[in-house]
Protein backbone atom coordinates (compact mmCIF):
# COMPACT_ATOMS: atom_id res chain seq x y z
CA GLN A 1 110.94 48.50 220.56
CA LEU A 2 112.85 51.47 219.22
CA GLN A 3 110.91 53.44 216.60
CA LEU A 4 113.05 55.53 214.27
CA VAL A 5 111.79 58.10 211.80
CA GLU A 6 113.88 59.57 208.98
CA SER A 7 113.18 62.80 207.14
CA GLY A 8 114.86 65.37 204.95
CA GLY A 9 115.23 63.53 201.68
CA GLY A 10 114.35 65.01 198.33
CA LEU A 11 115.55 65.91 194.87
CA VAL A 12 118.78 67.86 194.62
CA GLN A 13 121.14 68.74 191.80
CA PRO A 14 124.69 67.38 191.70
CA GLY A 15 126.89 69.44 193.98
CA GLY A 16 123.99 70.32 196.21
CA SER A 17 123.33 69.59 199.87
CA LEU A 18 120.71 67.94 202.02
CA ARG A 19 120.41 67.31 205.73
CA LEU A 20 118.74 64.13 206.84
CA SER A 21 117.24 63.70 210.30
CA CYS A 22 116.66 60.60 212.38
CA THR A 23 114.49 60.90 215.45
CA SER A 24 112.39 58.82 217.79
CA PHE A 25 109.13 59.98 219.33
CA GLY A 26 109.02 57.29 221.96
CA ASP A 27 112.61 56.83 223.05
CA THR A 28 115.64 58.86 223.95
CA LEU A 29 118.36 58.34 221.37
CA ASP A 30 121.10 59.53 223.73
CA TYR A 31 121.89 56.02 224.88
CA TYR A 32 122.21 54.46 221.46
CA ALA A 33 124.78 54.35 218.73
CA ILE A 34 123.04 55.37 215.50
CA GLY A 35 123.97 54.38 211.99
CA TRP A 36 122.95 55.79 208.62
CA PHE A 37 122.64 53.30 205.79
CA ARG A 38 121.53 53.59 202.20
CA GLN A 39 120.20 51.32 199.52
CA ALA A 40 120.35 52.23 195.86
CA PRO A 41 118.11 50.54 193.29
CA GLY A 42 119.37 47.05 192.54
CA LYS A 43 122.08 47.23 195.18
CA GLU A 44 122.54 45.96 198.70
CA ARG A 45 122.08 48.17 201.70
CA GLU A 46 125.37 49.71 202.80
CA ARG A 47 126.53 51.60 205.83
CA VAL A 48 127.21 55.28 205.28
CA SER A 49 128.09 56.59 208.71
CA CYS A 50 127.63 55.96 212.39
CA ILE A 51 127.94 57.85 215.64
CA ALA A 52 128.56 56.47 219.10
CA SER A 53 126.18 57.13 221.97
CA SER A 54 128.78 59.45 223.46
CA SER A 55 129.03 61.29 220.14
CA THR A 56 132.80 61.26 220.48
CA ASN A 57 133.30 58.58 217.86
CA THR A 58 132.09 58.76 214.29
CA ASP A 59 132.79 56.66 211.24
CA TYR A 60 132.23 57.13 207.51
CA ALA A 61 132.28 55.02 204.40
CA GLU A 62 135.22 55.88 202.16
CA ASP A 63 133.12 57.33 199.37
CA VAL A 64 131.41 59.87 201.64
CA LYS A 65 134.38 60.97 203.75
CA GLY A 66 134.87 64.71 203.55
CA ARG A 67 131.37 65.22 202.12
CA PHE A 68 129.02 63.86 204.80
CA THR A 69 128.94 64.73 208.49
CA ILE A 70 127.01 62.88 211.17
CA SER A 71 126.03 64.67 214.35
CA ARG A 72 123.70 64.42 217.29
CA ASP A 73 121.46 67.04 218.90
CA LYS A 74 120.43 65.65 222.25
CA ALA A 75 118.06 68.51 222.98
CA LYS A 76 116.10 67.64 219.83
CA ASN A 77 116.56 63.88 220.23
CA THR A 78 117.81 63.80 216.66
CA VAL A 79 120.78 62.48 214.72
CA TYR A 80 121.62 64.34 211.53
CA LEU A 81 123.44 63.43 208.37
CA GLN A 82 124.64 66.55 206.58
CA MET A 83 125.37 65.66 202.98
CA ASN A 84 127.35 68.10 200.82
CA SER A 85 128.76 67.89 197.30
CA LEU A 86 126.16 65.31 196.42
CA LYS A 87 126.73 63.06 193.42
CA PRO A 88 124.28 61.07 191.31
CA GLU A 89 125.71 57.91 192.85
CA ASP A 90 124.48 59.08 196.26
CA THR A 91 120.93 58.48 195.05
CA ALA A 92 119.34 55.95 197.38
CA VAL A 93 116.86 55.42 200.15
CA TYR A 94 118.58 56.40 203.37
CA TYR A 95 117.79 54.61 206.62
CA CYS A 96 118.81 55.06 210.21
CA ASN A 97 119.40 52.08 212.40
CA SER A 98 120.06 51.31 216.01
CA MET A 99 120.08 48.09 217.96
CA GLY A 100 118.71 46.27 214.94
CA TYR A 101 115.74 48.58 214.50
CA TRP A 102 115.19 50.38 211.20
CA GLY A 103 113.22 53.40 210.14
CA LYS A 104 111.20 53.38 206.93
CA GLY A 105 113.76 55.46 205.08
CA THR A 106 113.85 58.72 203.17
CA LEU A 107 114.56 58.96 199.46
CA VAL A 108 117.46 61.06 198.21
CA THR A 109 117.65 61.68 194.48
CA VAL A 110 120.63 63.51 193.01
CA SER A 111 119.92 64.49 189.44
CA SER A 112 120.09 67.44 187.10
């Protein structure tokens, strides 16, 4: 069973930045494609970005392209989601996922 842990969420003003982290303390993430998803209040969970196990392929939802960047640090066994130019509509609980396993999420609130 893959155990994923997200961190890095918080309160940020519009236009600000946050970096989310997804790590596993019991497994090496190198072998897995990792996806970041988010769920806003009253809405369905949606995919934000994903990165292949090789890290050569990445994908982004249209509304985050150019603002978010997904990356992998194998030495730290961590996948990051760098979020810039944040908007109030980015407010959500952000989850990482791989092979059907989910973390518990980290809350991102974008508000002035």
